[in-house]
Amino acid sequence: MNETPVITATNREKTTMNRLIFTVSAVLAFATVVLAGDVHVRGYYRSDGTYVRPHVRNAPNASRSDNYGRPSASDRAFGVPAQQRDYDGNGTLNQFDSDDDNDGVLDDNE
C-alpha cells in the first residue's frame, strides 16, 4: 500500500507562522485606526472668491454635535476645550445647541 506521508510543521515553522499572523493582524488594526482618524482637505475657492487653505480635520460621522475637530490656536491660548465652544454666544454650548450659529435654521437641516 502506498501511504501518503504526513507532513508536520516544526516548532520553528509554527513560531514563524504565528509571528506572521500577529504582524499582519497588528498592521491591519493600526491601519484601521489611522484611516478612521483625520481627513486631509485640499485648498479650494469659496463661491465668494475666498481661498481656503489646505487643512486637516476629523473624519465626519453621523452625528453633527461632535465634529468640532482639533482646538484652534485661540482655544489653546485661552484654555477653551473644543467641546466648550459657544459660537452664537447664547450661553448654550454648541454640542447642546440645536442652532449653534443662531441663523434660525436647525443645525441638522443646514
C-alpha atoms as a PDB file:
ATOM      1  CA  MET A   1       0.000   0.000   0.000  1.00  0.00           C
ATOM      2  CA  ASN A   2       1.103   3.483  -0.792  1.00  0.00           C
ATOM      3  CA  GLU A   3       0.642   5.677   2.221  1.00  0.00           C
ATOM      4  CA  THR A   4       0.679   9.428   1.884  1.00  0.00           C
ATOM      5  CA  PRO A   5       3.384  10.849   4.101  1.00  0.00           C
ATOM      6  CA  VAL A   6       2.153  13.126   6.856  1.00  0.00           C
ATOM      7  CA  ILE A   7       3.885  16.471   6.811  1.00  0.00           C
ATOM      8  CA  THR A   8       4.145  18.145  10.169  1.00  0.00           C
ATOM      9  CA  ALA A   9       5.391  21.626  10.908  1.00  0.00           C
ATOM     10  CA  THR A  10       8.366  22.024  13.149  1.00  0.00           C
ATOM     11  CA  ASN A  11       8.268  24.298  16.158  1.00  0.00           C
ATOM     12  CA  ARG A  12      10.336  26.843  14.260  1.00  0.00           C
ATOM     13  CA  GLU A  13       7.841  26.916  11.375  1.00  0.00           C
ATOM     14  CA  LYS A  14       4.938  27.261  13.816  1.00  0.00           C
ATOM     15  CA  THR A  15       6.665  30.169  15.556  1.00  0.00           C
ATOM     16  CA  THR A  16       7.360  31.862  12.223  1.00  0.00           C
ATOM     17  CA  MET A  17       3.733  31.439  11.135  1.00  0.00           C
ATOM     18  CA  ASN A  18       2.433  32.770  14.467  1.00  0.00           C
ATOM     19  CA  ARG A  19       4.673  35.839  14.155  1.00  0.00           C
ATOM     20  CA  LEU A  20       3.474  36.426  10.606  1.00  0.00           C
ATOM     21  CA  ILE A  21      -0.184  36.173  11.626  1.00  0.00           C
ATOM     22  CA  PHE A  22       0.392  38.521  14.575  1.00  0.00           C
ATOM     23  CA  THR A  23       2.259  41.059  12.424  1.00  0.00           C
ATOM     24  CA  VAL A  24      -0.416  41.097   9.716  1.00  0.00           C
ATOM     25  CA  SER A  25      -3.156  41.452  12.353  1.00  0.00           C
ATOM     26  CA  ALA A  26      -1.331  44.323  14.060  1.00  0.00           C
ATOM     27  CA  VAL A  27      -0.768  46.156  10.764  1.00  0.00           C
ATOM     28  CA  LEU A  28      -4.440  45.802   9.806  1.00  0.00           C
ATOM     29  CA  ALA A  29      -5.600  47.010  13.228  1.00  0.00           C
ATOM     30  CA  PHE A  30      -3.238  50.007  13.111  1.00  0.00           C
ATOM     31  CA  ALA A  31      -4.274  50.887   9.553  1.00  0.00           C
ATOM     32  CA  THR A  32      -7.936  50.859  10.582  1.00  0.00           C
ATOM     33  CA  VAL A  33      -7.267  53.276  13.445  1.00  0.00           C
ATOM     34  CA  VAL A  34      -5.180  55.576  11.263  1.00  0.00           C
ATOM     35  CA  LEU A  35      -7.676  55.603   8.404  1.00  0.00           C
ATOM     36  CA  ALA A  36     -10.558  56.439  10.724  1.00  0.00           C
ATOM     37  CA  GLY A  37      -8.804  59.480  12.163  1.00  0.00           C
ATOM     38  CA  ASP A  38      -8.049  62.554  10.110  1.00  0.00           C
ATOM     39  CA  VAL A  39      -9.128  63.741   6.679  1.00  0.00           C
ATOM     40  CA  HIS A  40      -6.816  65.936   4.598  1.00  0.00           C
ATOM     41  CA  VAL A  41      -8.809  68.645   2.815  1.00  0.00           C
ATOM     42  CA  ARG A  42      -7.326  70.240  -0.303  1.00  0.00           C
ATOM     43  CA  GLY A  43      -7.359  74.003  -0.717  1.00  0.00           C
ATOM     44  CA  TYR A  44     -10.330  75.408  -2.597  1.00  0.00           C
ATOM     45  CA  TYR A  45     -12.076  78.652  -3.531  1.00  0.00           C
ATOM     46  CA  ARG A  46     -15.433  79.540  -1.997  1.00  0.00           C
ATOM     47  CA  SER A  47     -18.220  80.998  -4.124  1.00  0.00           C
ATOM     48  CA  ASP A  48     -17.314  84.499  -2.881  1.00  0.00           C
ATOM     49  CA  GLY A  49     -13.722  84.094  -4.151  1.00  0.00           C
ATOM     50  CA  THR A  50     -12.109  83.469  -0.746  1.00  0.00           C
ATOM     51  CA  TYR A  51      -9.327  80.866  -0.849  1.00  0.00           C
ATOM     52  CA  VAL A  52      -9.457  78.227   1.898  1.00  0.00           C
ATOM     53  CA  ARG A  53      -6.010  76.817   2.635  1.00  0.00           C
ATOM     54  CA  PRO A  54      -5.457  73.035   2.800  1.00  0.00           C
ATOM     55  CA  HIS A  55      -6.094  71.694   6.288  1.00  0.00           C
ATOM     56  CA  VAL A  56      -6.689  68.553   8.337  1.00  0.00           C
ATOM     57  CA  ARG A  57      -9.992  67.772  10.020  1.00  0.00           C
ATOM     58  CA  ASN A  58     -11.510  64.828  11.860  1.00  0.00           C
ATOM     59  CA  ALA A  59     -13.345  62.271   9.786  1.00  0.00           C
ATOM     60  CA  PRO A  60     -17.064  63.062   9.927  1.00  0.00           C
ATOM     61  CA  ASN A  61     -19.609  60.671  11.360  1.00  0.00           C
ATOM     62  CA  ALA A  62     -23.416  60.565  11.523  1.00  0.00           C
ATOM     63  CA  SER A  63     -23.621  62.973  14.475  1.00  0.00           C
ATOM     64  CA  ARG A  64     -23.442  66.740  13.898  1.00  0.00           C
ATOM     65  CA  SER A  65     -22.783  67.544  17.544  1.00  0.00           C
ATOM     66  CA  ASP A  66     -19.272  66.118  17.956  1.00  0.00           C
ATOM     67  CA  ASN A  67     -17.411  67.006  14.754  1.00  0.00           C
ATOM     68  CA  TYR A  68     -15.580  70.060  16.058  1.00  0.00           C
ATOM     69  CA  GLY A  69     -12.059  68.901  15.157  1.00  0.00           C
ATOM     70  CA  ARG A  70      -8.936  69.947  16.947  1.00  0.00           C
ATOM     71  CA  PRO A  71      -8.915  73.056  19.138  1.00  0.00           C
ATOM     72  CA  SER A  72      -7.824  76.196  17.298  1.00  0.00           C
ATOM     73  CA  ALA A  73      -4.815  78.251  18.358  1.00  0.00           C
ATOM     74  CA  SER A  74      -7.064  80.739  20.160  1.00  0.00           C
ATOM     75  CA  ASP A  75      -8.811  77.911  22.018  1.00  0.00           C
ATOM     76  CA  ARG A  76      -5.436  76.583  23.175  1.00  0.00           C
ATOM     77  CA  ALA A  77      -4.229  80.073  24.116  1.00  0.00           C
ATOM     78  CA  PHE A  78      -7.286  80.807  26.242  1.00  0.00           C
ATOM     79  CA  GLY A  79      -7.687  77.239  27.534  1.00  0.00           C
ATOM     80  CA  VAL A  80     -11.127  76.635  25.999  1.00  0.00           C
ATOM     81  CA  PRO A  81     -11.637  72.964  25.102  1.00  0.00           C
ATOM     82  CA  ALA A  82     -13.257  72.328  21.704  1.00  0.00           C
ATOM     83  CA  GLN A  83     -16.252  70.765  23.444  1.00  0.00           C
ATOM     84  CA  GLN A  84     -16.994  74.051  25.256  1.00  0.00           C
ATOM     85  CA  ARG A  85     -17.350  76.380  22.270  1.00  0.00           C
ATOM     86  CA  ASP A  86     -20.378  78.660  22.017  1.00  0.00           C
ATOM     87  CA  TYR A  87     -20.319  80.260  18.562  1.00  0.00           C
ATOM     88  CA  ASP A  88     -23.519  82.295  18.890  1.00  0.00           C
ATOM     89  CA  GLY A  89     -22.846  83.433  22.473  1.00  0.00           C
ATOM     90  CA  ASN A  90     -26.278  82.464  23.797  1.00  0.00           C
ATOM     91  CA  GLY A  91     -24.873  80.552  26.774  1.00  0.00           C
ATOM     92  CA  THR A  92     -25.600  77.086  25.346  1.00  0.00           C
ATOM     93  CA  LEU A  93     -22.570  75.040  24.292  1.00  0.00           C
ATOM     94  CA  ASN A  94     -22.530  74.118  20.599  1.00  0.00           C
ATOM     95  CA  GLN A  95     -22.774  70.409  21.335  1.00  0.00           C
ATOM     96  CA  PHE A  96     -26.124  71.025  23.072  1.00  0.00           C
ATOM     97  CA  ASP A  97     -27.339  73.918  20.884  1.00  0.00           C
ATOM     98  CA  SER A  98     -29.615  72.829  18.027  1.00  0.00           C
ATOM     99  CA  ASP A  99     -28.917  76.151  16.234  1.00  0.00           C
ATOM    100  CA  ASP A 100     -25.330  76.982  17.201  1.00  0.00           C
ATOM    101  CA  ASP A 101     -24.861  79.723  14.591  1.00  0.00           C
ATOM    102  CA  ASN A 102     -28.155  81.440  15.506  1.00  0.00           C
ATOM    103  CA  ASP A 103     -29.409  81.748  11.914  1.00  0.00           C
ATOM    104  CA  GLY A 104     -32.882  80.370  12.669  1.00  0.00           C
ATOM    105  CA  VAL A 105     -32.211  77.075  10.861  1.00  0.00           C
ATOM    106  CA  LEU A 106     -31.631  73.938  12.931  1.00  0.00           C
ATOM    107  CA  ASP A 107     -28.117  72.536  12.504  1.00  0.00           C
ATOM    108  CA  ASP A 108     -29.446  69.164  11.317  1.00  0.00           C
ATOM    109  CA  ASN A 109     -31.117  70.955   8.382  1.00  0.00           C
ATOM    110  CA  GLU A 110     -28.057  73.007   7.340  1.00  0.00           C
END
